[in-house]
């Protein structure tokens, strides 16, 4: 399990090993990640964590433009910068350069009832501190179960 902490909100996510093994492995190499979670201006009801020019070394895998709430995407570099997208409502992934697709890398399975509050905070109060980490450091998540 992956823990996503946004202020006092705690979400837990299941990795999508079956559908996106290369993307999951790339994400695990990056963890723990800390940064800012911002309202996604072009994508509707979603928040994003910018990762800039970070190269994650994966291409399209289990990619989508229309993730459901709680379907977390990792967008590798391309026409837009590398980022993590957390949809909290109706989302069509895009940037000022146009439509985007991201790899569905994990799904929030606990705390999903807090997604609306997460959205309210980024929309009305601005950037929120976020930390993404492996929940159980003793569990061997770096290898496929």
Protein backbone atom coordinates (compact mmCIF):
# COMPACT_ATOMS: atom_id res chain seq x y z
CA UNK A 1 0.00 0.00 0.00
CA UNK A 2 0.98 3.58 -0.67
CA UNK A 3 0.21 6.42 1.74
CA UNK A 4 -0.70 9.80 0.27
CA UNK A 5 -0.70 12.48 2.96
CA UNK A 6 -2.13 15.91 2.17
CA UNK A 7 -2.10 18.01 5.34
CA UNK A 8 -4.18 16.05 7.85
CA UNK A 9 -5.83 13.97 5.10
CA UNK A 10 -4.54 10.44 4.66
CA UNK A 11 -5.32 8.33 1.62
CA UNK A 12 -4.11 4.82 0.86
CA UNK A 13 -3.63 3.51 -2.62
CA UNK A 14 -3.20 0.13 -4.27
CA UNK A 15 -0.50 -0.09 -6.91
CA UNK A 16 -1.66 -1.17 -10.39
CA UNK A 17 0.97 -3.90 -10.88
CA UNK A 18 -1.10 -5.93 -13.37
CA UNK A 19 -1.85 -3.04 -15.74
CA UNK A 20 1.21 -0.82 -15.36
CA UNK A 21 4.22 -2.80 -14.05
CA UNK A 22 6.91 -0.54 -15.55
CA UNK A 23 5.18 2.61 -14.27
CA UNK A 24 4.71 1.13 -10.79
CA UNK A 25 8.41 0.18 -10.67
CA UNK A 26 9.37 3.71 -11.79
CA UNK A 27 7.13 5.27 -9.14
CA UNK A 28 8.57 3.10 -6.39
CA UNK A 29 12.08 4.25 -7.32
CA UNK A 30 10.96 7.85 -6.70
CA UNK A 31 9.38 7.27 -3.28
CA UNK A 32 9.19 8.92 -0.88
CA UNK A 33 8.10 12.06 -2.72
CA UNK A 34 7.26 15.39 -1.08
CA UNK A 35 6.11 18.56 -2.74
CA UNK A 36 3.08 20.72 -3.46
CA UNK A 37 -0.33 19.63 -4.67
CA UNK A 38 -2.04 22.23 -6.87
CA UNK A 39 -5.41 22.62 -8.54
CA UNK A 40 -5.09 21.29 -12.11
CA UNK A 41 -6.18 24.34 -14.13
CA UNK A 42 -6.87 22.53 -17.38
CA UNK A 43 -8.15 19.14 -16.19
CA UNK A 44 -11.32 19.88 -14.25
CA UNK A 45 -11.72 18.36 -10.80
CA UNK A 46 -8.18 17.15 -10.24
CA UNK A 47 -5.04 18.15 -8.36
CA UNK A 48 -1.51 17.73 -9.62
CA UNK A 49 1.96 17.39 -8.18
CA UNK A 50 4.51 18.88 -10.60
CA UNK A 51 7.73 16.91 -11.04
CA UNK A 52 9.27 19.21 -13.66
CA UNK A 53 11.76 17.67 -16.06
CA UNK A 54 12.20 14.51 -13.97
CA UNK A 55 12.68 11.54 -16.27
CA UNK A 56 10.91 8.41 -15.08
CA UNK A 57 11.94 6.20 -18.01
CA UNK A 58 8.53 4.89 -19.05
CA UNK A 59 6.23 5.46 -21.98
CA UNK A 60 2.48 5.00 -22.28
CA UNK A 61 1.21 2.13 -20.15
CA UNK A 62 -2.38 1.73 -18.92
CA UNK A 63 -2.83 5.34 -20.01
CA UNK A 64 -6.02 7.36 -19.98
CA UNK A 65 -7.27 10.88 -20.49
CA UNK A 66 -10.45 10.40 -18.41
CA UNK A 67 -9.51 8.96 -15.02
CA UNK A 68 -12.21 8.35 -12.42
CA UNK A 69 -11.93 9.97 -9.00
CA UNK A 70 -9.14 8.22 -7.08
CA UNK A 71 -7.38 6.82 -10.16
CA UNK A 72 -3.93 8.36 -9.72
CA UNK A 73 -1.95 9.01 -12.91
CA UNK A 74 1.75 9.40 -13.52
CA UNK A 75 2.36 11.48 -16.62
CA UNK A 76 5.89 10.92 -17.95
CA UNK A 77 7.55 13.81 -19.72
CA UNK A 78 6.21 14.68 -23.14
CA UNK A 79 4.27 17.70 -24.37
CA UNK A 80 3.90 18.68 -20.71
CA UNK A 81 6.13 18.24 -17.70
CA UNK A 82 6.27 15.08 -15.59
CA UNK A 83 3.52 15.06 -12.98
CA UNK A 84 1.24 13.07 -10.73
CA UNK A 85 -2.49 13.72 -11.17
CA UNK A 86 -5.05 12.96 -8.45
CA UNK A 87 -8.63 13.27 -9.75
CA UNK A 88 -11.21 14.12 -7.08
CA UNK A 89 -14.18 14.50 -9.45
CA UNK A 90 -14.93 14.80 -13.17
CA UNK A 91 -11.58 14.97 -14.95
CA UNK A 92 -10.38 15.23 -18.53
CA UNK A 93 -6.59 15.36 -18.33
CA UNK A 94 -5.13 18.31 -20.25
CA UNK A 95 -2.55 21.09 -20.23
CA UNK A 96 -2.31 24.46 -21.91
CA UNK A 97 -0.68 22.55 -24.79
CA UNK A 98 -3.78 20.37 -25.21
CA UNK A 99 -5.06 16.92 -24.22
CA UNK A 100 -2.80 14.67 -22.13
CA UNK A 101 -2.76 11.01 -21.19
CA UNK A 102 -1.31 9.64 -18.00
CA UNK A 103 -0.46 6.15 -16.80
CA UNK A 104 -2.96 4.88 -14.23
CA UNK A 105 -0.37 3.79 -11.66
CA UNK A 106 -2.42 3.45 -8.46
CA UNK A 107 -5.98 3.60 -7.16
CA UNK A 108 -7.06 5.14 -3.87
CA UNK A 109 -8.80 2.41 -1.89
CA UNK A 110 -8.92 3.95 1.61
CA UNK A 111 -9.79 7.53 2.42
CA UNK A 112 -11.52 8.07 -0.92
CA UNK A 113 -14.35 9.80 0.97
CA UNK A 114 -11.77 12.57 1.62
CA UNK A 115 -11.25 13.31 -2.09
CA UNK A 116 -13.92 16.04 -2.13
CA UNK A 117 -12.22 17.76 0.82
CA UNK A 118 -8.86 17.48 -0.92
CA UNK A 119 -10.41 19.18 -3.94
CA UNK A 120 -11.99 21.90 -1.83
CA UNK A 121 -8.63 22.67 -0.22
CA UNK A 122 -6.63 22.97 -3.44
CA UNK A 123 -9.38 24.98 -5.15
CA UNK A 124 -10.11 27.40 -2.30
CA UNK A 125 -6.90 27.49 -0.26
CA UNK A 126 -4.20 26.94 -2.88
CA UNK A 127 -1.16 24.67 -2.82
CA UNK A 128 -1.17 21.89 -0.23
CA UNK A 129 1.83 19.98 1.09
CA UNK A 130 1.82 16.37 -0.14
CA UNK A 131 3.90 13.34 0.71
CA UNK A 132 3.67 10.01 -1.11
CA UNK A 133 5.39 7.05 0.50
CA UNK A 134 5.31 3.30 0.92
CA UNK A 135 3.01 2.63 3.87
CA UNK A 136 4.82 -0.44 5.17
CA UNK A 137 8.55 -0.01 4.75
CA UNK A 138 9.06 -3.69 5.54
CA UNK A 139 6.82 -4.91 2.71
CA UNK A 140 8.85 -5.73 -0.42
CA UNK A 141 6.86 -3.58 -2.87
CA UNK A 142 9.83 -3.11 -5.18
CA UNK A 143 9.19 -6.56 -6.61
CA UNK A 144 5.96 -7.65 -8.16
CA UNK A 145 3.81 -9.73 -5.80
